C-alpha atoms as a PDB file:
ATOM      1  CA  LEU A   1       0.000   0.000   0.000  1.00  0.00           C
ATOM      2  CA  GLY A   2       1.564   3.237  -1.208  1.00  0.00           C
ATOM      3  CA  LEU A   3       0.684   5.465   1.728  1.00  0.00           C
ATOM      4  CA  GLU A   4       2.980   8.458   2.020  1.00  0.00           C
ATOM      5  CA  GLN A   5       3.459  10.873   4.879  1.00  0.00           C
ATOM      6  CA  PRO A   6       0.158  12.208   6.257  1.00  0.00           C
ATOM      7  CA  ILE A   7      -1.145  15.291   4.448  1.00  0.00           C
ATOM      8  CA  PHE A   8      -2.873  16.575   7.558  1.00  0.00           C
ATOM      9  CA  THR A   9      -3.187  15.258  11.117  1.00  0.00           C
ATOM     10  CA  THR A  10      -5.440  16.214  14.009  1.00  0.00           C
ATOM     11  CA  ARG A  11      -6.971  14.638  17.121  1.00  0.00           C
ATOM     12  CA  ALA A  12     -10.651  13.915  17.716  1.00  0.00           C
ATOM     13  CA  HIS A  13     -13.108  11.527  19.354  1.00  0.00           C
ATOM     14  CA  VAL A  14     -14.324   9.049  16.709  1.00  0.00           C
ATOM     15  CA  PHE A  15     -17.931   7.829  16.414  1.00  0.00           C
ATOM     16  CA  GLN A  16     -19.861   5.574  14.019  1.00  0.00           C
ATOM     17  CA  ILE A  17     -23.592   5.537  13.389  1.00  0.00           C
ATOM     18  CA  ASP A  18     -25.477   2.694  15.066  1.00  0.00           C
ATOM     19  CA  PRO A  19     -25.985   0.113  12.260  1.00  0.00           C
ATOM     20  CA  THR A  20     -29.306  -0.952  13.791  1.00  0.00           C
ATOM     21  CA  THR A  21     -31.066   2.331  14.520  1.00  0.00           C
ATOM     22  CA  LYS A  22     -29.131   4.483  11.999  1.00  0.00           C
ATOM     23  CA  LYS A  23     -29.729   7.335  14.461  1.00  0.00           C
ATOM     24  CA  ASN A  24     -27.591   6.975  17.570  1.00  0.00           C
ATOM     25  CA  TRP A  25     -23.830   7.500  17.659  1.00  0.00           C
ATOM     26  CA  VAL A  26     -21.615   4.698  18.967  1.00  0.00           C
ATOM     27  CA  PRO A  27     -18.120   5.668  20.269  1.00  0.00           C
ATOM     28  CA  ALA A  28     -15.395   4.022  18.191  1.00  0.00           C
ATOM     29  CA  SER A  29     -12.532   5.327  20.351  1.00  0.00           C
ATOM     30  CA  LYS A  30     -12.093   5.401  24.115  1.00  0.00           C
ATOM     31  CA  GLN A  31     -10.445   8.809  23.953  1.00  0.00           C
ATOM     32  CA  ALA A  32      -9.289  11.419  21.450  1.00  0.00           C
ATOM     33  CA  VAL A  33      -7.118   9.702  18.798  1.00  0.00           C
ATOM     34  CA  THR A  34      -5.058  10.789  15.817  1.00  0.00           C
ATOM     35  CA  VAL A  35      -7.023  11.255  12.575  1.00  0.00           C
ATOM     36  CA  SER A  36      -4.970  11.771   9.385  1.00  0.00           C
ATOM     37  CA  TYR A  37      -5.377  12.345   5.642  1.00  0.00           C
ATOM     38  CA  PHE A  38      -3.157  10.095   3.476  1.00  0.00           C
ATOM     39  CA  TYR A  39      -2.463   9.868  -0.264  1.00  0.00           C
ATOM     40  CA  ASP A  40      -2.412   6.272  -1.586  1.00  0.00           C
ATOM     41  CA  SER A  41      -0.060   6.440  -4.573  1.00  0.00           C
ATOM     42  CA  THR A  42      -0.749   2.787  -5.515  1.00  0.00           C
ATOM     43  CA  ARG A  43      -4.464   3.382  -6.016  1.00  0.00           C
ATOM     44  CA  ASN A  44      -4.166   7.099  -6.785  1.00  0.00           C
ATOM     45  CA  SER A  45      -6.672   7.882  -4.034  1.00  0.00           C
ATOM     46  CA  TYR A  46      -6.997   9.787  -0.780  1.00  0.00           C
ATOM     47  CA  ARG A  47      -7.960   8.278   2.577  1.00  0.00           C
ATOM     48  CA  VAL A  48      -8.898   9.265   6.108  1.00  0.00           C
ATOM     49  CA  ILE A  49      -7.246   6.836   8.528  1.00  0.00           C
ATOM     50  CA  SER A  50      -7.390   6.587  12.322  1.00  0.00           C
ATOM     51  CA  VAL A  51      -6.037   3.916  14.661  1.00  0.00           C
ATOM     52  CA  ASP A  52      -6.952   3.364  18.315  1.00  0.00           C
ATOM     53  CA  GLY A  53      -4.301   1.149  19.882  1.00  0.00           C
ATOM     54  CA  SER A  54      -4.142  -1.914  17.608  1.00  0.00           C
ATOM     55  CA  LYS A  55      -7.568  -1.315  16.029  1.00  0.00           C
ATOM     56  CA  VAL A  56      -8.150   0.538  12.763  1.00  0.00           C
ATOM     57  CA  ILE A  57     -11.344   2.532  13.415  1.00  0.00           C
ATOM     58  CA  ILE A  58     -11.350   4.670  10.237  1.00  0.00           C
ATOM     59  CA  ASN A  59     -10.148   3.628   6.754  1.00  0.00           C
ATOM     60  CA  SER A  60     -12.312   5.758   4.485  1.00  0.00           C
ATOM     61  CA  THR A  61     -11.472   6.439   0.830  1.00  0.00           C
ATOM     62  CA  ILE A  62     -12.516   9.985  -0.119  1.00  0.00           C
ATOM     63  CA  THR A  63     -14.607  10.193  -3.306  1.00  0.00           C
ATOM     64  CA  PRO A  64     -15.773  13.307  -5.209  1.00  0.00           C
ATOM     65  CA  ASN A  65     -19.401  12.779  -4.167  1.00  0.00           C
ATOM     66  CA  MET A  66     -18.658  12.722  -0.424  1.00  0.00           C
ATOM     67  CA  ASN A  67     -19.598  15.680   1.776  1.00  0.00           C
ATOM     68  CA  PHE A  68     -18.382  16.592   5.246  1.00  0.00           C
ATOM     69  CA  THR A  69     -21.157  18.244   7.279  1.00  0.00           C
ATOM     70  CA  LYS A  70     -20.760  20.348  10.411  1.00  0.00           C
ATOM     71  CA  THR A  71     -23.619  19.410  12.746  1.00  0.00           C
ATOM     72  CA  SER A  72     -22.509  21.561  15.698  1.00  0.00           C
ATOM     73  CA  GLN A  73     -19.693  23.883  16.734  1.00  0.00           C
ATOM     74  CA  LYS A  74     -17.327  20.984  17.493  1.00  0.00           C
ATOM     75  CA  PHE A  75     -18.833  17.983  15.652  1.00  0.00           C
ATOM     76  CA  GLY A  76     -18.872  16.925  12.000  1.00  0.00           C
ATOM     77  CA  GLN A  77     -19.740  13.818   9.980  1.00  0.00           C
ATOM     78  CA  TRP A  78     -19.533  12.185   6.543  1.00  0.00           C
ATOM     79  CA  ALA A  79     -21.109   9.091   4.970  1.00  0.00           C
ATOM     80  CA  ASP A  80     -18.966   6.313   3.461  1.00  0.00           C
ATOM     81  CA  SER A  81     -21.072   4.101   1.176  1.00  0.00           C
ATOM     82  CA  ARG A  82     -18.219   1.625   0.666  1.00  0.00           C
ATOM     83  CA  ALA A  83     -17.881   1.076   4.414  1.00  0.00           C
ATOM     84  CA  ASN A  84     -21.689   1.251   4.741  1.00  0.00           C
ATOM     85  CA  THR A  85     -21.479   3.601   7.700  1.00  0.00           C
ATOM     86  CA  VAL A  86     -21.391   7.231   8.781  1.00  0.00           C
ATOM     87  CA  PHE A  87     -18.333   8.526  10.618  1.00  0.00           C
ATOM     88  CA  GLY A  88     -18.554  11.291  13.222  1.00  0.00           C
ATOM     89  CA  LEU A  89     -15.709  13.332  14.731  1.00  0.00           C
ATOM     90  CA  GLY A  90     -15.847  15.349  17.943  1.00  0.00           C
ATOM     91  CA  PHE A  91     -13.151  18.016  18.228  1.00  0.00           C
ATOM     92  CA  ALA A  92     -11.810  19.979  21.191  1.00  0.00           C
ATOM     93  CA  SER A  93     -12.422  23.326  19.481  1.00  0.00           C
ATOM     94  CA  GLU A  94     -14.374  24.900  16.633  1.00  0.00           C
ATOM     95  CA  GLN A  95     -11.087  25.885  14.949  1.00  0.00           C
ATOM     96  CA  GLN A  96      -9.981  22.231  14.710  1.00  0.00           C
ATOM     97  CA  LEU A  97     -13.341  21.272  13.190  1.00  0.00           C
ATOM     98  CA  SER A  98     -13.130  24.073  10.599  1.00  0.00           C
ATOM     99  CA  LYS A  99      -9.561  23.096   9.657  1.00  0.00           C
ATOM    100  CA  PHE A 100     -10.559  19.437   9.183  1.00  0.00           C
ATOM    101  CA  ALA A 101     -13.587  20.471   7.059  1.00  0.00           C
ATOM    102  CA  GLU A 102     -11.405  22.698   4.854  1.00  0.00           C
ATOM    103  CA  LYS A 103      -8.894  19.882   4.368  1.00  0.00           C
ATOM    104  CA  PHE A 104     -11.749  17.455   3.548  1.00  0.00           C
ATOM    105  CA  GLN A 105     -12.894  19.780   0.743  1.00  0.00           C
ATOM    106  CA  GLU A 106      -9.327  20.093  -0.583  1.00  0.00           C
ATOM    107  CA  VAL A 107      -8.823  16.315  -0.570  1.00  0.00           C
ATOM    108  CA  LYS A 108     -12.230  15.830  -2.211  1.00  0.00           C
ATOM    109  CA  GLU A 109     -11.233  18.166  -5.080  1.00  0.00           C
ATOM    110  CA  ALA A 110      -7.879  16.392  -5.394  1.00  0.00           C
ATOM    111  CA  ALA A 111      -9.670  13.015  -5.564  1.00  0.00           C
ATOM    112  CA  LYS A 112     -11.944  14.397  -8.298  1.00  0.00           C
ATOM    113  CA  LEU A 113      -8.957  15.567 -10.367  1.00  0.00           C
ATOM    114  CA  ALA A 114      -7.194  12.222  -9.862  1.00  0.00           C
ATOM    115  CA  ARG A 115     -10.284  10.338 -11.064  1.00  0.00           C
ATOM    116  CA  GLU A 116     -10.659  12.574 -14.134  1.00  0.00           C
ATOM    117  CA  LYS A 117      -7.007  12.082 -15.084  1.00  0.00           C
ATOM    118  CA  SER A 118      -7.337   8.323 -14.609  1.00  0.00           C
ATOM    119  CA  GLN A 119     -10.448   8.225 -16.822  1.00  0.00           C
ATOM    120  CA  GLU A 120      -8.698  10.274 -19.516  1.00  0.00           C
ATOM    121  CA  LYS A 121      -5.801   7.817 -19.558  1.00  0.00           C
ATOM    122  CA  MET A 122      -8.182   4.845 -19.785  1.00  0.00           C
ATOM    123  CA  GLU A 123     -10.190   6.450 -22.612  1.00  0.00           C
ATOM    124  CA  THR A 124      -7.022   7.319 -24.539  1.00  0.00           C
ATOM    125  CA  SER A 125      -5.694   3.778 -24.126  1.00  0.00           C
ATOM    126  CA  SER A 126      -9.062   2.307 -25.156  1.00  0.00           C
ATOM    127  CA  ASP A 127      -9.286   4.502 -28.287  1.00  0.00           C
ATOM    128  CA  GLN A 128      -5.783   3.538 -29.368  1.00  0.00           C
ATOM    129  CA  SER A 129      -6.552  -0.147 -28.850  1.00  0.00           C
ATOM    130  CA  GLN A 130      -9.799   0.077 -30.850  1.00  0.00           C
ATOM    131  CA  GLU A 131      -8.135   1.941 -33.719  1.00  0.00           C
ATOM    132  CA  SER A 132      -5.347  -0.626 -33.841  1.00  0.00           C
ATOM    133  CA  GLY A 133      -7.902  -3.435 -33.833  1.00  0.00           C
ATOM    134  CA  ARG A 134      -9.947  -1.855 -36.654  1.00  0.00           C
ATOM    135  CA  GLU A 135      -7.074  -1.293 -39.100  1.00  0.00           C
ATOM    136  CA  THR A 136      -5.957  -4.879 -39.754  1.00  0.00           C
ATOM    137  CA  PRO A 137      -9.367  -6.633 -39.942  1.00  0.00           C
ATOM    138  CA  SER A 138     -10.834  -3.912 -42.211  1.00  0.00           C
ATOM    139  CA  GLY A 139      -8.019  -4.286 -44.725  1.00  0.00           C
ATOM    140  CA  ASN A 140      -8.346  -8.054 -44.746  1.00  0.00           C
ATOM    141  CA  GLN A 141     -12.121  -7.860 -45.083  1.00  0.00           C
ATOM    142  CA  ALA A 142     -11.918  -5.461 -47.992  1.00  0.00           C
ATOM    143  CA  SER A 143      -9.454  -7.699 -49.793  1.00  0.00           C
ATOM    144  CA  SER A 144     -11.583 -10.760 -49.193  1.00  0.00           C
ATOM    145  CA  ILE A 145     -14.757  -9.171 -50.492  1.00  0.00           C
ATOM    146  CA  ASN A 146     -13.466  -7.176 -53.456  1.00  0.00           C
ATOM    147  CA  GLY A 147     -10.480  -9.299 -54.567  1.00  0.00           C
ATOM    148  CA  THR A 148     -10.298 -12.233 -57.043  1.00  0.00           C
ATOM    149  CA  ASP A 149      -9.617 -15.801 -55.991  1.00  0.00           C
ATOM    150  CA  ASP A 150      -5.897 -15.260 -56.583  1.00  0.00           C
ATOM    151  CA  GLU A 151      -6.015 -12.177 -54.421  1.00  0.00           C
ATOM    152  CA  LYS A 152      -7.867 -14.108 -51.709  1.00  0.00           C
ATOM    153  CA  ILE A 153      -5.140 -16.728 -51.777  1.00  0.00           C
ATOM    154  CA  SER A 154      -2.473 -14.024 -51.624  1.00  0.00           C
ATOM    155  CA  HIS A 155      -4.116 -12.543 -48.456  1.00  0.00           C
ATOM    156  CA  VAL A 156      -4.154 -15.799 -46.481  1.00  0.00           C
ATOM    157  CA  PRO A 157      -0.792 -15.046 -44.806  1.00  0.00           C
ATOM    158  CA  GLU A 158      -2.146 -11.666 -43.724  1.00  0.00           C
ATOM    159  CA  ASN A 159      -5.175 -13.328 -42.099  1.00  0.00           C
ATOM    160  CA  THR A 160      -2.872 -15.800 -40.416  1.00  0.00           C
ATOM    161  CA  GLU A 161      -0.757 -12.925 -39.142  1.00  0.00           C
ATOM    162  CA  ALA A 162      -3.884 -11.189 -37.808  1.00  0.00           C
ATOM    163  CA  ASN A 163      -4.939 -14.347 -36.021  1.00  0.00           C
ATOM    164  CA  SER A 164      -1.444 -14.637 -34.615  1.00  0.00           C
ATOM    165  CA  ASN A 165      -1.639 -11.044 -33.380  1.00  0.00           C
ATOM    166  CA  ALA A 166      -4.992 -11.786 -31.758  1.00  0.00           C
ATOM    167  CA  GLU A 167      -3.499 -14.770 -29.985  1.00  0.00           C
ATOM    168  CA  ILE A 168      -0.626 -12.601 -28.823  1.00  0.00           C
ATOM    169  CA  TRP A 169      -3.086 -10.006 -27.505  1.00  0.00           C
ATOM    170  CA  LYS A 170      -5.069 -12.732 -25.750  1.00  0.00           C
ATOM    171  CA  SER A 171      -1.866 -14.005 -24.196  1.00  0.00           C
ATOM    172  CA  LYS A 172      -0.965 -10.494 -23.095  1.00  0.00           C
ATOM    173  CA  VAL A 173      -4.435  -9.976 -21.619  1.00  0.00           C
ATOM    174  CA  THR A 174      -4.159 -13.267 -19.724  1.00  0.00           C
ATOM    175  CA  GLN A 175      -0.698 -12.308 -18.555  1.00  0.00           C
ATOM    176  CA  SER A 176      -1.994  -8.885 -17.517  1.00  0.00           C
ATOM    177  CA  GLN A 177      -4.818 -10.519 -15.569  1.00  0.00           C
ATOM    178  CA  ASP A 178      -2.327 -12.775 -13.808  1.00  0.00           C
ATOM    179  CA  GLU A 179      -0.180  -9.770 -13.022  1.00  0.00           C
ATOM    180  CA  ASN A 180      -3.242  -7.943 -11.715  1.00  0.00           C
ATOM    181  CA  ASN A 181      -4.066 -10.875  -9.457  1.00  0.00           C
ATOM    182  CA  GLN A 182      -0.494 -10.932  -8.229  1.00  0.00           C
ATOM    183  CA  LEU A 183      -0.645  -7.188  -7.661  1.00  0.00           C
ATOM    184  CA  ARG A 184      -3.895  -7.570  -5.720  1.00  0.00           C
ATOM    185  CA  ASN A 185      -2.287 -10.200  -3.532  1.00  0.00           C
ATOM    186  CA  LYS A 186       0.764  -7.999  -3.129  1.00  0.00           C
ATOM    187  CA  ILE A 187      -1.464  -5.023  -2.262  1.00  0.00           C
ATOM    188  CA  SER A 188      -3.258  -7.133   0.321  1.00  0.00           C
ATOM    189  CA  GLU A 189       0.084  -8.117   1.841  1.00  0.00           C
ATOM    190  CA  LEU A 190       1.261  -4.508   1.767  1.00  0.00           C
ATOM    191  CA  GLU A 191      -1.995  -3.366   3.365  1.00  0.00           C
ATOM    192  CA  ASP A 192      -1.357  -5.788   6.221  1.00  0.00           C
ATOM    193  CA  GLN A 193       2.172  -4.457   6.491  1.00  0.00           C
ATOM    194  CA  CYS A 194       0.834  -0.920   6.325  1.00  0.00           C
ATOM    195  CA  LYS A 195      -1.482  -1.652   9.237  1.00  0.00           C
ATOM    196  CA  GLU A 196       1.543  -2.694  11.261  1.00  0.00           C
ATOM    197  CA  VAL A 197       3.390   0.426  10.119  1.00  0.00           C
ATOM    198  CA  ASN A 198       0.405   2.591  11.013  1.00  0.00           C
ATOM    199  CA  LEU A 199       0.204   0.948  14.411  1.00  0.00           C
ATOM    200  CA  GLU A 200       3.893   1.611  14.933  1.00  0.00           C
ATOM    201  CA  ARG A 201       3.421   5.206  13.796  1.00  0.00           C
ATOM    202  CA  GLU A 202       0.527   5.585  16.191  1.00  0.00           C
ATOM    203  CA  ARG A 203       2.649   4.187  19.011  1.00  0.00           C
ATOM    204  CA  ASN A 204       5.465   6.547  18.047  1.00  0.00           C
ATOM    205  CA  ALA A 205       3.021   9.443  17.910  1.00  0.00           C
ATOM    206  CA  GLN A 206       1.705   8.526  21.345  1.00  0.00           C
ATOM    207  CA  LEU A 207       5.263   8.259  22.661  1.00  0.00           C
ATOM    208  CA  SER A 208       6.140  11.621  21.105  1.00  0.00           C
ATOM    209  CA  LEU A 209       3.069  13.159  22.686  1.00  0.00           C
ATOM    210  CA  ARG A 210       3.977  11.635  26.040  1.00  0.00           C
ATOM    211  CA  ILE A 211       7.538  12.945  25.695  1.00  0.00           C
ATOM    212  CA  GLN A 212       6.187  16.421  24.935  1.00  0.00           C
ATOM    213  CA  GLU A 213       3.935  16.236  27.993  1.00  0.00           C
ATOM    214  CA  LEU A 214       6.863  15.127  30.167  1.00  0.00           C
ATOM    215  CA  GLU A 215       9.062  17.892  28.751  1.00  0.00           C
ATOM    216  CA  ALA A 216       6.331  20.426  29.500  1.00  0.00           C
ATOM    217  CA  ASP A 217       6.036  19.055  33.056  1.00  0.00           C
ATOM    218  CA  LEU A 218       9.824  19.225  33.426  1.00  0.00           C
ATOM    219  CA  GLN A 219       9.901  22.844  32.268  1.00  0.00           C
ATOM    220  CA  GLU A 220       7.114  23.664  34.705  1.00  0.00           C
ATOM    221  CA  LYS A 221       9.013  22.002  37.567  1.00  0.00           C
ATOM    222  CA  GLU A 222      12.209  23.824  36.593  1.00  0.00           C
ATOM    223  CA  GLN A 223      10.313  27.114  36.622  1.00  0.00           C
ATOM    224  CA  GLU A 224       8.910  26.303  40.058  1.00  0.00           C
ATOM    225  CA  LEU A 225      12.427  25.448  41.263  1.00  0.00           C
ATOM    226  CA  GLU A 226      13.764  28.737  39.874  1.00  0.00           C
ATOM    227  CA  ASN A 227      10.989  30.630  41.657  1.00  0.00           C
ATOM    228  CA  LEU A 228      11.843  28.829  44.901  1.00  0.00           C
ATOM    229  CA  ARG A 229      15.501  29.723  44.449  1.00  0.00           C
ATOM    230  CA  LYS A 230      14.600  33.379  43.989  1.00  0.00           C
ATOM    231  CA  GLN A 231      12.417  33.225  47.077  1.00  0.00           C
ATOM    232  CA  ALA A 232      15.252  31.558  49.011  1.00  0.00           C
ATOM    233  CA  GLU A 233      17.538  34.460  48.109  1.00  0.00           C
ATOM    234  CA  THR A 234      15.158  36.850  49.882  1.00  0.00           C
ATOM    235  CA  ILE A 235      14.978  34.728  53.049  1.00  0.00           C
ATOM    236  CA  PRO A 236      18.084  36.333  54.733  1.00  0.00           C
ATOM    237  CA  GLN A 237      16.626  39.795  54.140  1.00  0.00           C
ATOM    238  CA  LEU A 238      13.291  38.675  55.513  1.00  0.00           C
ATOM    239  CA  MET A 239      15.053  37.118  58.526  1.00  0.00           C
ATOM    240  CA  ALA A 240      16.923  40.382  59.183  1.00  0.00           C
ATOM    241  CA  LYS A 241      13.677  42.343  58.949  1.00  0.00           C
ATOM    242  CA  CYS A 242      12.012  39.833  61.226  1.00  0.00           C
ATOM    243  CA  GLU A 243      14.808  40.141  63.814  1.00  0.00           C
ATOM    244  CA  SER A 244      14.618  43.942  63.613  1.00  0.00           C
ATOM    245  CA  VAL A 245      10.865  43.875  64.107  1.00  0.00           C
ATOM    246  CA  THR A 246      11.283  41.396  66.975  1.00  0.00           C
ATOM    247  CA  ALA A 247      13.850  43.668  68.675  1.00  0.00           C
ATOM    248  CA  LYS A 248      11.558  46.666  68.278  1.00  0.00           C
ATOM    249  CA  LEU A 249       8.676  44.643  69.653  1.00  0.00           C
ATOM    250  CA  GLN A 250      10.734  43.551  72.662  1.00  0.00           C
ATOM    251  CA  ALA A 251      11.840  47.151  73.268  1.00  0.00           C
ATOM    252  CA  ALA A 252       8.232  48.272  73.047  1.00  0.00           C
ATOM    253  CA  GLU A 253       7.207  45.542  75.476  1.00  0.00           C
ATOM    254  CA  MET A 254       9.938  46.634  77.924  1.00  0.00           C
ATOM    255  CA  ALA A 255       8.888  50.255  77.570  1.00  0.00           C
ATOM    256  CA  SER A 256       5.311  49.187  78.110  1.00  0.00           C
ATOM    257  CA  ARG A 257       6.300  47.293  81.246  1.00  0.00           C
ATOM    258  CA  ASP A 258       8.218  50.354  82.507  1.00  0.00           C
ATOM    259  CA  GLN A 259       5.228  52.546  81.816  1.00  0.00           C
ATOM    260  CA  SER A 260       3.010  50.020  83.542  1.00  0.00           C
ATOM    261  CA  GLU A 261       5.260  50.005  86.604  1.00  0.00           C
ATOM    262  CA  LYS A 262       5.312  53.807  86.615  1.00  0.00           C
ATOM    263  CA  MET A 263       1.547  53.857  86.288  1.00  0.00           C
ATOM    264  CA  THR A 264       1.262  51.443  89.205  1.00  0.00           C
ATOM    265  CA  LEU A 265       3.601  53.593  91.307  1.00  0.00           C
ATOM    266  CA  LEU A 266       1.723  56.756  90.411  1.00  0.00           C
ATOM    267  CA  GLN A 267      -1.568  55.042  91.173  1.00  0.00           C
ATOM    268  CA  SER A 268      -0.188  54.057  94.559  1.00  0.00           C
ATOM    269  CA  GLU A 269       1.037  57.602  95.200  1.00  0.00           C
ATOM    270  CA  ILE A 270      -2.334  58.972  94.159  1.00  0.00           C
ATOM    271  CA  GLU A 271      -4.105  56.601  96.508  1.00  0.00           C
ATOM    272  CA  ASP A 272      -1.753  57.634  99.351  1.00  0.00           C
ATOM    273  CA  SER A 273      -2.316  61.275  98.532  1.00  0.00           C
ATOM    274  CA  GLN A 274      -6.078  60.742  98.455  1.00  0.00           C
ATOM    275  CA  HIS A 275      -5.877  58.942 101.809  1.00  0.00           C
ATOM    276  CA  LYS A 276      -3.814  61.791 103.295  1.00  0.00           C
ATOM    277  CA  GLN A 277      -6.249  64.349 101.895  1.00  0.00           C
ATOM    278  CA  LYS A 278      -9.105  62.419 103.434  1.00  0.00           C
ATOM    279  CA  ASN A 279      -7.329  62.415 106.804  1.00  0.00           C
ATOM    280  CA  MET A 280      -6.521  66.093 106.464  1.00  0.00           C
ATOM    281  CA  LYS A 281     -10.158  66.832 105.698  1.00  0.00           C
ATOM    282  CA  THR A 282     -11.186  64.865 108.765  1.00  0.00           C
ATOM    283  CA  GLU A 283      -8.666  66.717 110.944  1.00  0.00           C
ATOM    284  CA  LEU A 284      -9.667  70.007 109.375  1.00  0.00           C
ATOM    285  CA  LYS A 285     -13.308  69.305 110.081  1.00  0.00           C
ATOM    286  CA  LYS A 286     -12.491  68.472 113.670  1.00  0.00           C
ATOM    287  CA  PHE A 287     -10.440  71.675 113.921  1.00  0.00           C
ATOM    288  CA  MET A 288     -13.274  73.673 112.407  1.00  0.00           C
ATOM    289  CA  ASP A 289     -15.691  72.132 114.864  1.00  0.00           C
ATOM    290  CA  VAL A 290     -13.359  73.029 117.758  1.00  0.00           C
ATOM    291  CA  LEU A 291     -12.862  76.507 116.296  1.00  0.00           C
ATOM    292  CA  ASP A 292     -16.603  76.977 115.955  1.00  0.00           C
ATOM    293  CA  GLY A 293     -16.932  75.957 119.616  1.00  0.00           C
ATOM    294  CA  LYS A 294     -14.247  78.406 120.656  1.00  0.00           C
ATOM    295  CA  ILE A 295     -15.869  81.165 118.624  1.00  0.00           C
ATOM    296  CA  ASP A 296     -19.190  80.451 120.265  1.00  0.00           C
ATOM    297  CA  GLU A 297     -17.519  80.543 123.673  1.00  0.00           C
ATOM    298  CA  LEU A 298     -15.785  83.796 122.764  1.00  0.00           C
ATOM    299  CA  HIS A 299     -19.062  85.222 121.633  1.00  0.00           C
ATOM    300  CA  GLU A 300     -20.702  84.262 124.864  1.00  0.00           C
ATOM    301  CA  VAL A 301     -17.816  85.855 126.770  1.00  0.00           C
ATOM    302  CA  ARG A 302     -18.251  89.052 124.824  1.00  0.00           C
ATOM    303  CA  GLN A 303     -21.948  89.050 125.531  1.00  0.00           C
ATOM    304  CA  GLY A 304     -21.201  88.513 129.222  1.00  0.00           C
ATOM    305  CA  ILE A 305     -18.727  91.375 129.221  1.00  0.00           C
ATOM    306  CA  SER A 306     -21.212  93.560 127.471  1.00  0.00           C
ATOM    307  CA  LYS A 307     -23.836  92.800 130.081  1.00  0.00           C
ATOM    308  CA  LEU A 308     -21.372  93.586 132.847  1.00  0.00           C
ATOM    309  CA  GLY A 309     -20.589  96.937 131.307  1.00  0.00           C
ATOM    310  CA  VAL A 310     -24.237  97.798 131.082  1.00  0.00           C
ATOM    311  CA  ASP A 311     -24.840  96.883 134.646  1.00  0.00           C
ATOM    312  CA  ASN A 312     -22.001  99.100 135.794  1.00  0.00           C
END
């Protein structure tokens, strides 16, 4: 099988129409798989091929009368009469679907041109064969009908030669048929080999994808490590700031304790002062009471003196 490098490759979830209901979609792949366009140089045709593990889930030959239809933003389908099924593809994005649809149209046009060229070659070959076949029999027939007996006898070798040519052509046709059968068998063998090659390519593609994923993970880890290194470089500065803040906090706590002790001492002094003031007020009140008594006594004495003066 003359499959060359893929013309276009994408990834999609593959579905086939339910052969019973002809309505429901049946998943043909467990996950998104590689879907590729190939050119088959042996058969001068274009194919859509997809493999899931060891299973070929799409092997569709594109013909000029096929149409790829977008049924939603991320889903498209086409009917394959040779495979007697309808294939459906679910893409991760609308852009991937549009790209696949554009490529389908391009491949369809290419298949149409390839078929037209093939038909032109066959028609040209057929016309040449018919013209070659007409020339010799017509000459012989004309001689046989219009000629004399002597002429008929003279044309016997030509008829024999024509018969010999016919036998040669028959032999060539038989040989060509045998070669065609051998080619068919060889194509079948090559198709089997191609399946193995496609499986190996799919495995390689999966390995390449896995390697890319691992490389991306490695780059991400390296970036994280670089960020951690940069953060580690700032740790001494942060530690110094932390120690400075801690020292300031301790100094503030000590100052607060000193202020608290001073406040306690002042509170004690205030309480003592208030107690002394209270005592002084008590003593002052007593003194005032005594003074009031003395003043009253003095007043009485004055009144007594005044009375004595009046009496005298």
